[in-house]
Every structure is written in C-alpha cells, then in structure tokens.
Amino acid sequence: KRYILIFYFIFSSLLFYTSPYELTEERIETLDELIKNQMKLARLKTFGIIITNSTNTLYQNIYGENKKITTKSPFILGSVTKSFTALAMLHLGISLDQTLDKFDLDNYIDKKDAKDITISEILNHTSGLDCWSSSITGKKGEYSYSNYGYGLLGKIIEKQSNKKYCEYIKETIFNPLKMENSHAEYNDDIVESYDNFFGFPVKFNGLESEIGDGFYTPVGFISSSLEDMGKYIRFYLNPENEEYISQMTEENIEVEYNLNYGMGMFIWHKNNRTIYEHDGETRSFLSDLFIFPELDIGFFLVTNTRDYLCQQPFYDFVNSIEAFLISDSFFDINDISFFYTHFTIDIIIIIVISIPITYLIITIKRKIKREKYSWFIDIKGKIIFAVDVLFLIIVPVIIIICFYAADSDLRYTTKTTRDFRFGIFTFFSCSLLVFIIKFVYFFLYDKYFKDYDKLEDKLGLSYNSIKE
C-alpha cells in the first residue's frame, strides 16, 4: 500500500503539474489582462515585456497608445548596462586584480586612490568610490554602489582595446549576438520618453544631453530593443557561455540577506531558486532584467516613463509580473502612495507660490496708498533695494531646489538647462525669494520703525514734509 501511495503521488504530480515557465494560451491571456490593468495604475505611457527560454521567445509585446513603438524599438536600459560593461571587461582578458594606476586614469581619479583600487573591486562595488564622483566615501571591501566606478571601467576598456566603448561593445557583444537594434551611444531611434512634472508625464527632450560626453554610457546608457534583450537573456541561459556567466554571477559580496552582487549582476535567492537580476533607472526610463537559470527562463521589462518621487507602483508592477510568471499568483498595485505623494507636494508648492504673489500684491497696494518711503531714499531704502537685487545671485540655487520639489531628479537637472520649465520656475523662485525678503523687511519694520510711523501718523506729517 505504501508503494501504491507513493506511485499515486508521483503520477498525480506529473499529471497536474504545470511548469511555471510554460506559457499556455490561457496564462498569456491572464498576463495580458494583468499588464493592461496594472500599467494604468502604475501610470506608464508605454510598457514592454519579453519572456524567453534558452532557445525561443515565449512571449513579447509592447503596451501603450504609441503604435510606432515596436519590439524592435530601442529603450535606454539604465543600470542593466552594467552587465554589458562587466561582460566586456571579461572579454578583454586582463587580470581583474590589477590596480587602476596601471591604466593612465589621472584625468578621472587621484593617483593615490588608483593604486589602492582593483578592477574586481569596481566590478562588485567594493572599491569605496562615491556613487557619482572620484571621492572615496565608502569603506574598502564593503558594498557601496558606485556609478562612477563603472564609468572608469569604460575608460579602461577604451584604453586596452584602442577602440571607443561603443565600438568595442558592438564588436564583442552586439554583433556576435545579432543585436541589431542596440547602441552604446546616443541614437535618434531611441523611443520618446517621459518624466514626471507635478504628477503628470511630460515628454522628455534631453536624452542626448543626458548621455552627455559618454563617460556614463557604460554606467547606464546602452539602449536596446525587446527582441535584442531576448537574445541577451538567451546568452545567459546557454551553458556554452558558462565561462563568463560563472564569473559574473559569483557571489562576491553580500548586499543584504539572500542578496549578493557579482559583476554587473545581483544574485537573489528566493524560494530555493537562484535569480540573476539588475534593474535600471535613468531620468525617463525604468527597466528590470530577471534570469532564472534553474527554470531555463528569463524576462525583461521596460517603460519609457519615470516618476522620480513615486516609483514604487512600477516596482510593485514588476514584482506582480514576476509572481505571476513563477507561481501563477499576483497582487494589485496600491496607488494610494501616488495620490498621497503628489497631492501633498502639489498643495505645498501651490501655497508657496500663492503666498508671495498675494503678499507682493498687498505690499504694492500698501505702498501706492501710503507713498511713504522710496527704495532710494535714506539708508533703510538703500539696504532694502540692495537685498532685493541680491536674489539675482541666489536664483540658480533656488531653481534647482524648486525642481527637486517638483518631482524631478536632482542629479539630472543641470543637464537640461534649456528646458522650458526652467523659465517657469525662474518666476516662481524669484517670487519666493522676494517673499522672504519682504518678510525680513517687515520684521525689521515692526521692530525698529513702527514707533516712528505711529508718531508720524499722530503728528499728521508725511515723510516728505519731515525731510523738507
């Protein structure tokens, strides 16, 4: 009886078990409905997904109203780019234990620091380098994410190969994998994208300036299409590439419990499964790459819409899709955070804008009515005039602060100075600063000049008559 029972359970498992990566028509329909519903909650203009095993694409689609965007259209990958840069470093075949002083990087990092940092430490983010500069802000040997470090890797690739980074990536990765719609430099084919402005998606026109001179291209600015990313995923699912994969996914440093970093890849351990993963963010793109080697499946998700202050709905969306593909379960996106975040910020900004404008109107009215003081008469008037002029120097700083408050990513604001929104915030910033000036002015007035005005009113004298 015991053997019969065991046989029964084995037979039942084989009969009713459906592999989580086998996408039946029914599961595809459910996935399609899930994406359509939840991308609205996540407020995405366009969303792309590709699911593949080691040999074939199982599903791919572009969701959104823009029919010009297809599975061949390139999206900027964000930090998913780091996996390409790490792979390119391994292709070079140089020792990863070499220190940076061997590569003539004096224009990018101090010689003293270069002598103490190895290539492998940069690859796994244990060099101590700051995220966005050559400063040492972290403790050597501990995980400290550094975009700047991967920028240095790009320069090493160029110096060792005697080719531009974009040329080397194309030669060693894009061409062998037949990734025909992928670029490691700015390209006019990149899909239009959107960043957030007061809770609304606004077309982003700064892609070329965002990529800049190319130093940060190895960090996060490779662009690729869904079809090409399917080919890239299949590279990692192919046992023939184990030489590279094993090095990139070696668990070099622990980030947190069940999460490690290798070289250009995070390594997760969930539900007794290993996952290679890396997400990506730029000013106006979000993406995520998942590879499940034990299940022979991987998928890539991307959108051309980024909300800097409220990105959680996107990652909830990504986690929901992952849960469905792996375990046929999913959860709804909670979009309350979106309303709460933007409602609070927008109300505060409206108040900040309204108070100085209202106050200035009252001040002007009062000045016209009383006509007591001139900004150019007596020492008080001259001081007030000088302080009001001072705001011309402070305006640029105030503009950046206002941009940050208006849902923009502070790291990128200086690269889009021609954006029309700078003009709008110049006005609001000046109004805010003038309000502060007027506040200080009336504080001084109440403290030092109020009694003089009362005396003047009591005597029925005007400022001009006293002067005469």
Protein backbone atom coordinates (compact mmCIF):
# COMPACT_ATOMS: atom_id res chain seq x y z
CA LYS A 1 0.00 0.00 0.00
CA ARG A 2 2.85 2.37 0.80
CA TYR A 3 4.37 1.91 -2.68
CA ILE A 4 0.97 2.33 -4.31
CA LEU A 5 0.51 5.60 -2.43
CA ILE A 6 3.95 6.89 -3.48
CA PHE A 7 3.24 5.94 -7.10
CA TYR A 8 -0.09 7.73 -6.91
CA PHE A 9 1.51 10.98 -5.71
CA ILE A 10 4.23 10.83 -8.36
CA PHE A 11 1.70 10.15 -11.11
CA SER A 12 -0.58 12.94 -9.86
CA SER A 13 2.32 15.40 -9.77
CA LEU A 14 3.29 14.59 -13.34
CA LEU A 15 -0.29 14.76 -14.49
CA PHE A 16 -1.32 18.02 -12.87
CA TYR A 17 1.95 19.87 -12.53
CA THR A 18 2.42 22.77 -14.96
CA SER A 19 5.89 24.21 -15.24
CA PRO A 20 5.79 27.92 -14.34
CA TYR A 21 7.68 28.92 -17.47
CA GLU A 22 5.37 27.09 -19.86
CA LEU A 23 3.10 29.85 -21.08
CA THR A 24 -0.17 28.38 -22.22
CA GLU A 25 -2.66 30.46 -24.16
CA GLU A 26 -4.75 30.80 -21.04
CA ARG A 27 -1.82 32.08 -19.00
CA ILE A 28 -0.86 34.53 -21.74
CA GLU A 29 -4.40 35.92 -21.76
CA THR A 30 -4.27 36.35 -17.99
CA LEU A 31 -0.85 38.00 -18.21
CA ASP A 32 -2.11 40.33 -20.93
CA GLU A 33 -5.09 41.40 -18.82
CA LEU A 34 -2.87 41.83 -15.76
CA ILE A 35 -0.46 44.12 -17.62
CA LYS A 36 -3.18 46.26 -19.21
CA ASN A 37 -4.90 46.84 -15.88
CA GLN A 38 -1.85 47.41 -13.74
CA MET A 39 0.14 49.61 -16.12
CA LYS A 40 -2.70 52.14 -15.80
CA LEU A 41 -2.35 52.06 -12.02
CA ALA A 42 1.42 52.48 -12.41
CA ARG A 43 0.74 55.39 -14.82
CA LEU A 44 3.04 54.22 -17.60
CA LYS A 45 2.84 55.61 -21.13
CA THR A 46 4.46 52.55 -22.71
CA PHE A 47 5.45 49.18 -21.30
CA GLY A 48 7.43 46.39 -22.95
CA ILE A 49 7.94 42.78 -21.92
CA ILE A 50 9.78 39.82 -23.38
CA ILE A 51 9.87 36.29 -21.92
CA THR A 52 12.27 33.71 -23.30
CA ASN A 53 13.89 30.38 -22.56
CA SER A 54 17.31 29.30 -23.79
CA THR A 55 16.10 28.65 -27.34
CA ASN A 56 12.90 30.58 -28.11
CA THR A 57 10.95 33.71 -27.30
CA LEU A 58 7.84 32.64 -25.41
CA TYR A 59 6.09 36.00 -25.36
CA GLN A 60 6.82 39.62 -26.21
CA ASN A 61 4.63 42.68 -26.51
CA ILE A 62 4.57 46.46 -26.38
CA TYR A 63 1.69 48.04 -24.47
CA GLY A 64 0.62 51.66 -24.89
CA GLU A 65 -1.05 54.10 -27.25
CA ASN A 66 2.04 54.87 -29.36
CA LYS A 67 1.83 52.33 -32.19
CA LYS A 68 5.16 53.49 -33.63
CA ILE A 69 6.98 51.79 -30.76
CA THR A 70 7.60 48.12 -31.61
CA THR A 71 9.60 45.19 -30.27
CA LYS A 72 12.49 46.48 -32.42
CA SER A 73 12.46 49.97 -30.87
CA PRO A 74 15.41 50.69 -28.52
CA PHE A 75 14.83 51.78 -24.92
CA ILE A 76 17.59 53.09 -22.65
CA LEU A 77 18.45 50.30 -20.20
CA GLY A 78 19.69 52.26 -17.21
CA SER A 79 21.95 50.23 -14.91
CA VAL A 80 21.18 46.98 -16.74
CA THR A 81 24.01 48.42 -18.87
CA LYS A 82 26.45 47.42 -16.10
CA SER A 83 26.07 43.75 -17.03
CA PHE A 84 27.24 44.61 -20.58
CA THR A 85 30.21 46.56 -19.21
CA ALA A 86 31.18 43.68 -16.88
CA LEU A 87 30.91 41.19 -19.74
CA ALA A 88 33.07 43.44 -21.92
CA MET A 89 35.72 43.59 -19.18
CA LEU A 90 35.84 39.79 -19.08
CA HIS A 91 36.20 39.74 -22.88
CA LEU A 92 39.34 41.88 -22.55
CA GLY A 93 41.05 39.00 -20.76
CA ILE A 94 43.08 41.21 -18.41
CA SER A 95 43.69 40.32 -14.79
CA LEU A 96 40.90 41.70 -12.61
CA ASP A 97 43.35 42.06 -9.71
CA GLN A 98 45.22 44.85 -11.49
CA THR A 99 45.04 48.26 -9.81
CA LEU A 100 43.74 51.32 -11.63
CA ASP A 101 47.08 53.14 -11.67
CA LYS A 102 48.15 50.77 -14.48
CA PHE A 103 45.64 52.34 -16.92
CA ASP A 104 46.53 56.06 -17.05
CA LEU A 105 43.32 57.39 -15.49
CA ASP A 106 44.87 60.53 -13.99
CA ASN A 107 42.14 62.74 -15.50
CA TYR A 108 39.45 60.75 -13.73
CA ILE A 109 40.85 59.63 -10.37
CA ASP A 110 43.62 60.63 -7.99
CA LYS A 111 46.81 58.59 -8.44
CA LYS A 112 46.99 57.70 -4.76
CA ASP A 113 43.46 56.27 -4.78
CA ALA A 114 44.07 54.48 -8.11
CA LYS A 115 46.93 52.48 -6.55
CA ASP A 116 44.60 51.02 -3.92
CA ILE A 117 41.64 50.05 -6.13
CA THR A 118 41.44 46.92 -8.31
CA ILE A 119 39.21 46.24 -11.30
CA SER A 120 37.40 43.46 -9.45
CA GLU A 121 36.58 45.84 -6.59
CA ILE A 122 34.94 48.24 -9.00
CA LEU A 123 33.05 45.42 -10.72
CA ASN A 124 31.48 44.30 -7.43
CA HIS A 125 31.14 47.78 -5.86
CA THR A 126 33.60 47.32 -3.01
CA SER A 127 36.14 49.99 -4.04
CA GLY A 128 34.80 52.68 -1.69
CA LEU A 129 34.29 55.10 -4.59
CA ASP A 130 31.45 57.58 -4.30
CA CYS A 131 28.39 56.92 -6.46
CA TRP A 132 28.87 59.98 -8.70
CA SER A 133 32.45 61.17 -8.18
CA SER A 134 36.03 60.01 -7.71
CA SER A 135 35.89 60.70 -3.97
CA ILE A 136 36.36 57.80 -1.57
CA THR A 137 33.27 57.86 0.63
CA GLY A 138 32.78 54.17 1.40
CA LYS A 139 34.79 51.59 3.29
CA LYS A 140 37.00 49.46 1.08
CA GLY A 141 35.77 45.88 0.92
CA GLU A 142 32.18 46.73 1.81
CA TYR A 143 29.35 47.02 -0.70
CA SER A 144 28.89 50.65 -1.80
CA TYR A 145 27.19 51.15 -5.18
CA SER A 146 29.30 53.33 -7.47
CA ASN A 147 28.20 54.52 -10.89
CA TYR A 148 31.44 56.45 -11.22
CA GLY A 149 33.40 53.22 -10.88
CA TYR A 150 31.69 51.72 -13.92
CA GLY A 151 32.46 54.91 -15.80
CA LEU A 152 36.13 54.22 -15.07
CA LEU A 153 35.71 50.68 -16.41
CA GLY A 154 34.52 52.19 -19.69
CA LYS A 155 37.73 54.20 -19.90
CA ILE A 156 39.82 51.10 -19.17
CA ILE A 157 38.02 49.23 -21.97
CA GLU A 158 38.83 52.05 -24.39
CA LYS A 159 42.49 52.24 -23.38
CA GLN A 160 43.04 48.47 -23.52
CA SER A 161 41.17 47.87 -26.77
CA ASN A 162 42.20 51.09 -28.56
CA LYS A 163 38.55 51.45 -29.54
CA LYS A 164 35.69 53.60 -28.35
CA TYR A 165 33.45 51.92 -25.79
CA CYS A 166 30.55 51.84 -28.26
CA GLU A 167 32.71 50.17 -30.91
CA TYR A 168 34.06 47.53 -28.52
CA ILE A 169 30.59 46.65 -27.18
CA LYS A 170 29.29 46.34 -30.72
CA GLU A 171 32.22 44.15 -31.77
CA THR A 172 32.23 41.80 -28.76
CA ILE A 173 28.54 41.64 -27.74
CA PHE A 174 26.06 43.18 -30.17
CA ASN A 175 27.41 41.64 -33.38
CA PRO A 176 28.00 38.07 -32.07
CA LEU A 177 24.50 38.01 -30.53
CA LYS A 178 22.97 39.69 -33.61
CA MET A 179 21.58 42.52 -31.51
CA GLU A 180 20.82 44.75 -34.47
CA ASN A 181 18.82 47.42 -32.65
CA SER A 182 21.18 48.06 -29.77
CA HIS A 183 23.52 51.02 -29.29
CA ALA A 184 26.22 52.10 -26.84
CA GLU A 185 25.95 55.74 -27.84
CA TYR A 186 23.18 58.25 -28.48
CA ASN A 187 20.92 57.23 -31.35
CA ASP A 188 17.94 59.00 -32.91
CA ASP A 189 15.96 55.73 -32.90
CA ILE A 190 15.62 55.70 -29.09
CA VAL A 191 11.92 55.88 -28.22
CA GLU A 192 10.49 59.12 -26.88
CA SER A 193 10.24 59.14 -23.12
CA TYR A 194 8.56 60.96 -20.26
CA ASP A 195 9.50 62.21 -16.83
CA ASN A 196 7.19 63.46 -14.15
CA PHE A 197 6.07 67.05 -13.64
CA PHE A 198 3.65 67.71 -10.76
CA GLY A 199 2.35 64.15 -11.07
CA PHE A 200 1.83 64.27 -14.85
CA PRO A 201 4.03 62.65 -17.54
CA VAL A 202 5.75 65.29 -19.68
CA LYS A 203 7.77 64.45 -22.78
CA PHE A 204 11.48 64.47 -22.03
CA ASN A 205 13.62 66.25 -24.60
CA GLY A 206 17.03 65.84 -23.02
CA LEU A 207 18.13 62.33 -23.99
CA GLU A 208 21.19 63.45 -25.93
CA SER A 209 22.33 65.82 -23.17
CA GLU A 210 21.60 63.17 -20.53
CA ILE A 211 24.02 60.73 -22.15
CA GLY A 212 26.49 63.60 -22.42
CA ASP A 213 30.14 63.04 -23.36
CA GLY A 214 29.93 59.28 -22.93
CA PHE A 215 31.65 58.82 -19.56
CA TYR A 216 28.43 57.47 -18.04
CA THR A 217 27.39 55.39 -21.05
CA PRO A 218 29.00 52.22 -19.54
CA VAL A 219 27.05 53.00 -16.36
CA GLY A 220 23.50 53.19 -17.68
CA PHE A 221 23.02 54.43 -21.23
CA ILE A 222 23.14 51.44 -23.54
CA SER A 223 19.87 51.26 -25.50
CA SER A 224 18.31 48.03 -26.74
CA SER A 225 15.03 46.61 -28.04
CA LEU A 226 12.89 43.82 -26.62
CA GLU A 227 13.96 41.42 -29.37
CA ASP A 228 17.62 42.14 -28.71
CA MET A 229 17.22 41.75 -24.96
CA GLY A 230 15.69 38.34 -25.61
CA LYS A 231 18.91 37.37 -27.40
CA TYR A 232 20.91 38.79 -24.50
CA ILE A 233 18.95 36.72 -21.97
CA ARG A 234 19.49 33.58 -24.03
CA PHE A 235 23.24 34.21 -23.78
CA TYR A 236 22.99 33.72 -20.01
CA LEU A 237 20.80 30.64 -20.33
CA ASN A 238 23.23 28.97 -22.73
CA PRO A 239 25.61 26.55 -20.92
CA GLU A 240 28.25 27.19 -23.59
CA ASN A 241 28.82 30.64 -22.05
CA GLU A 242 29.43 29.28 -18.55
CA GLU A 243 32.96 30.70 -18.54
CA TYR A 244 31.63 34.24 -18.47
CA ILE A 245 28.41 33.58 -16.56
CA SER A 246 30.11 31.87 -13.62
CA GLN A 247 32.45 34.85 -13.14
CA MET A 248 29.70 37.45 -13.41
CA THR A 249 27.37 35.61 -11.05
CA GLU A 250 29.90 34.57 -8.44
CA GLU A 251 28.57 35.85 -5.11
CA ASN A 252 31.43 38.23 -4.35
CA ILE A 253 29.80 40.50 -1.79
CA GLU A 254 26.70 40.29 0.38
CA VAL A 255 24.34 43.24 -0.07
CA GLU A 256 21.66 42.03 2.34
CA TYR A 257 20.08 38.77 3.43
CA ASN A 258 19.64 36.44 0.42
CA LEU A 259 21.04 39.12 -1.91
CA ASN A 260 24.59 39.27 -3.26
CA TYR A 261 26.39 41.16 -6.01
CA GLY A 262 28.66 39.54 -8.55
CA MET A 263 29.96 41.52 -11.53
CA GLY A 264 27.24 43.63 -13.10
CA MET A 265 24.57 41.33 -11.67
CA PHE A 266 22.65 40.94 -8.42
CA ILE A 267 22.19 37.34 -7.28
CA TRP A 268 18.99 36.64 -5.37
CA HIS A 269 17.93 33.50 -3.52
CA LYS A 270 14.15 33.20 -3.29
CA ASN A 271 12.06 30.12 -2.66
CA ASN A 272 15.11 27.87 -3.12
CA ARG A 273 15.77 29.40 -6.55
CA THR A 274 18.66 31.47 -7.84
CA ILE A 275 17.87 34.66 -9.74
CA TYR A 276 20.24 36.88 -11.70
CA GLU A 277 18.78 40.37 -11.74
CA HIS A 278 19.55 44.01 -12.36
CA ASP A 279 17.22 46.97 -12.54
CA GLY A 280 17.86 50.22 -14.37
CA GLU A 281 16.86 53.86 -13.95
CA THR A 282 17.54 57.00 -15.96
CA ARG A 283 15.76 60.33 -15.95
CA SER A 284 12.91 58.92 -18.03
CA PHE A 285 13.35 55.12 -18.35
CA LEU A 286 12.91 52.23 -15.92
CA SER A 287 13.78 48.61 -16.62
CA ASP A 288 14.38 45.26 -14.93
CA LEU A 289 16.13 42.11 -16.09
CA PHE A 290 15.40 38.70 -14.50
CA ILE A 291 17.10 35.39 -15.29
CA PHE A 292 16.11 32.10 -13.63
CA PRO A 293 18.86 29.64 -14.70
CA GLU A 294 17.30 26.66 -12.91
CA LEU A 295 13.99 27.20 -14.70
CA ASP A 296 15.59 28.00 -18.07
CA ILE A 297 13.65 31.25 -18.31
CA GLY A 298 14.33 34.97 -18.28
CA PHE A 299 12.34 38.09 -18.86
CA PHE A 300 12.97 41.78 -19.40
CA LEU A 301 10.58 44.62 -18.53
CA VAL A 302 10.93 48.26 -19.58
CA THR A 303 8.99 51.50 -19.62
CA ASN A 304 9.64 54.96 -21.05
CA THR A 305 8.03 56.76 -18.09
CA ARG A 306 9.68 57.63 -14.80
CA ASP A 307 8.14 59.26 -11.75
CA TYR A 308 11.12 60.14 -9.55
CA LEU A 309 9.22 60.70 -6.30
CA CYS A 310 6.79 57.81 -6.71
CA GLN A 311 8.45 54.86 -8.41
CA GLN A 312 7.03 52.21 -6.10
CA PRO A 313 3.98 51.46 -8.33
CA PHE A 314 6.36 50.43 -11.15
CA TYR A 315 8.32 48.05 -8.93
CA ASP A 316 5.08 46.69 -7.47
CA PHE A 317 4.06 46.08 -11.08
CA VAL A 318 7.33 44.28 -11.81
CA ASN A 319 7.02 42.14 -8.69
CA SER A 320 3.44 41.27 -9.61
CA ILE A 321 4.50 40.06 -13.06
CA GLU A 322 7.38 38.07 -11.55
CA ALA A 323 5.00 36.41 -9.08
CA PHE A 324 2.58 35.50 -11.87
CA LEU A 325 5.21 34.05 -14.18
CA ILE A 326 6.86 31.97 -11.47
CA SER A 327 3.96 30.95 -9.24
CA ASP A 328 0.73 31.97 -11.02
CA SER A 329 -0.06 34.48 -8.30
CA PHE A 330 -0.13 38.26 -8.42
CA PHE A 331 -1.19 41.21 -6.29
CA ASP A 332 -2.83 44.52 -7.06
CA ILE A 333 -0.84 47.74 -7.17
CA ASN A 334 -1.62 50.11 -4.33
CA ASP A 335 -1.69 53.52 -6.00
CA ILE A 336 -2.64 55.44 -2.84
CA SER A 337 1.01 56.40 -2.45
CA PHE A 338 0.89 58.15 -5.82
CA PHE A 339 -2.03 60.38 -4.84
CA TYR A 340 -0.65 60.99 -1.36
CA THR A 341 2.82 61.93 -2.59
CA HIS A 342 1.80 64.21 -5.43
CA PHE A 343 -1.21 65.76 -3.71
CA THR A 344 0.98 66.74 -0.75
CA ILE A 345 3.79 68.11 -2.91
CA ASP A 346 1.48 69.98 -5.28
CA ILE A 347 -0.52 71.57 -2.44
CA ILE A 348 2.70 72.73 -0.75
CA ILE A 349 4.01 74.22 -3.99
CA ILE A 350 0.72 75.97 -4.71
CA ILE A 351 0.79 77.50 -1.21
CA VAL A 352 4.43 78.52 -1.59
CA ILE A 353 3.64 80.16 -4.93
CA SER A 354 0.40 81.80 -3.78
CA ILE A 355 1.72 83.36 -0.57
CA PRO A 356 4.49 85.50 -2.15
CA ILE A 357 2.32 86.57 -5.06
CA THR A 358 -0.52 87.58 -2.73
CA TYR A 359 1.88 89.23 -0.33
CA LEU A 360 3.54 91.21 -3.12
CA ILE A 361 0.17 92.46 -4.33
CA ILE A 362 -0.72 93.62 -0.81
CA THR A 363 2.69 95.23 -0.41
CA ILE A 364 2.40 97.13 -3.69
CA LYS A 365 -1.12 98.26 -2.80
CA ARG A 366 0.04 99.44 0.59
CA LYS A 367 2.98 101.28 -0.92
CA ILE A 368 0.82 103.05 -3.50
CA LYS A 369 -1.69 104.03 -0.84
CA ARG A 370 0.73 105.40 1.74
CA GLU A 371 3.60 106.54 -0.51
CA LYS A 372 5.85 106.99 2.47
CA TYR A 373 9.18 105.51 1.54
CA SER A 374 11.25 105.22 -1.56
CA TRP A 375 13.79 102.45 -2.05
CA PHE A 376 16.40 105.08 -2.97
CA ILE A 377 15.79 107.48 -0.06
CA ASP A 378 17.58 107.09 3.28
CA ILE A 379 19.72 104.20 4.42
CA LYS A 380 16.78 101.86 5.03
CA GLY A 381 15.55 102.16 1.46
CA LYS A 382 19.01 101.56 0.04
CA ILE A 383 19.51 98.44 2.16
CA ILE A 384 16.14 97.02 1.09
CA PHE A 385 16.99 97.71 -2.56
CA ALA A 386 20.40 96.01 -2.24
CA VAL A 387 18.87 92.94 -0.61
CA ASP A 388 16.23 92.70 -3.34
CA VAL A 389 18.94 92.82 -6.01
CA LEU A 390 20.85 90.04 -4.24
CA PHE A 391 18.24 87.47 -5.27
CA LEU A 392 19.69 87.56 -8.82
CA ILE A 393 22.70 85.65 -7.49
CA ILE A 394 20.69 83.15 -5.45
CA VAL A 395 18.14 82.38 -8.20
CA PRO A 396 20.04 79.41 -9.78
CA VAL A 397 20.20 77.60 -6.42
CA ILE A 398 16.53 78.27 -5.74
CA ILE A 399 15.61 76.97 -9.19
CA ILE A 400 17.33 73.63 -8.53
CA ILE A 401 15.59 73.33 -5.15
CA CYS A 402 12.22 74.05 -6.77
CA PHE A 403 12.92 71.47 -9.47
CA TYR A 404 13.62 68.87 -6.84
CA ALA A 405 10.37 69.77 -5.08
CA ALA A 406 8.51 69.49 -8.39
CA ASP A 407 9.27 65.78 -8.77
CA SER A 408 12.45 65.94 -10.83
CA ASP A 409 15.66 64.01 -10.19
CA LEU A 410 18.21 66.47 -8.80
CA ARG A 411 21.13 64.55 -10.32
CA TYR A 412 19.97 65.32 -13.86
CA THR A 413 18.57 68.88 -13.63
CA THR A 414 21.81 70.60 -14.57
CA LYS A 415 21.93 68.69 -17.86
CA THR A 416 18.63 70.07 -19.19
CA THR A 417 19.01 73.80 -18.63
CA ARG A 418 17.22 74.64 -21.89
CA ASP A 419 14.04 73.00 -20.69
CA PHE A 420 11.06 75.40 -20.77
CA ARG A 421 10.32 74.54 -17.16
CA PHE A 422 13.38 76.49 -16.04
CA GLY A 423 11.62 79.62 -17.26
CA ILE A 424 8.52 78.83 -15.23
CA PHE A 425 10.49 78.09 -12.09
CA THR A 426 12.62 81.20 -12.51
CA PHE A 427 9.48 83.25 -11.98
CA PHE A 428 8.27 81.18 -9.05
CA SER A 429 11.73 81.14 -7.47
CA CYS A 430 12.05 84.91 -7.71
CA SER A 431 8.60 85.33 -6.16
CA LEU A 432 9.53 83.05 -3.30
CA LEU A 433 12.78 84.89 -2.65
CA VAL A 434 11.11 88.28 -2.77
CA PHE A 435 8.59 86.97 -0.24
CA ILE A 436 11.45 86.06 2.09
CA ILE A 437 12.97 89.49 1.59
CA LYS A 438 9.65 91.19 2.34
CA PHE A 439 9.18 89.03 5.42
CA VAL A 440 12.56 90.12 6.78
CA TYR A 441 11.75 93.71 5.85
CA PHE A 442 8.52 93.83 7.82
CA PHE A 443 10.14 92.06 10.75
CA LEU A 444 12.67 94.89 10.87
CA TYR A 445 9.90 97.39 10.33
CA ASP A 446 7.91 96.13 13.29
CA LYS A 447 10.98 96.07 15.50
CA TYR A 448 12.68 99.33 14.59
CA PHE A 449 10.47 101.64 12.56
CA LYS A 450 6.92 101.04 13.80
CA ASP A 451 7.09 103.60 16.60
CA TYR A 452 8.42 106.22 14.19
CA ASP A 453 5.48 105.65 11.83
CA LYS A 454 2.98 105.92 14.69
CA LEU A 455 4.50 109.23 15.73
CA GLU A 456 4.41 110.42 12.15
CA ASP A 457 0.73 109.47 11.80
CA LYS A 458 -0.12 111.17 15.11
CA LEU A 459 1.52 114.43 14.05
CA GLY A 460 -0.13 114.16 10.64
CA LEU A 461 3.19 114.59 8.88
CA SER A 462 4.41 112.97 5.71
CA TYR A 463 7.89 111.73 5.07
CA ASN A 464 8.49 114.45 2.51
CA SER A 465 7.34 117.24 4.84
CA ILE A 466 9.70 115.99 7.57
CA LYS A 467 12.53 115.90 5.04
CA GLU A 468 11.78 119.47 3.97
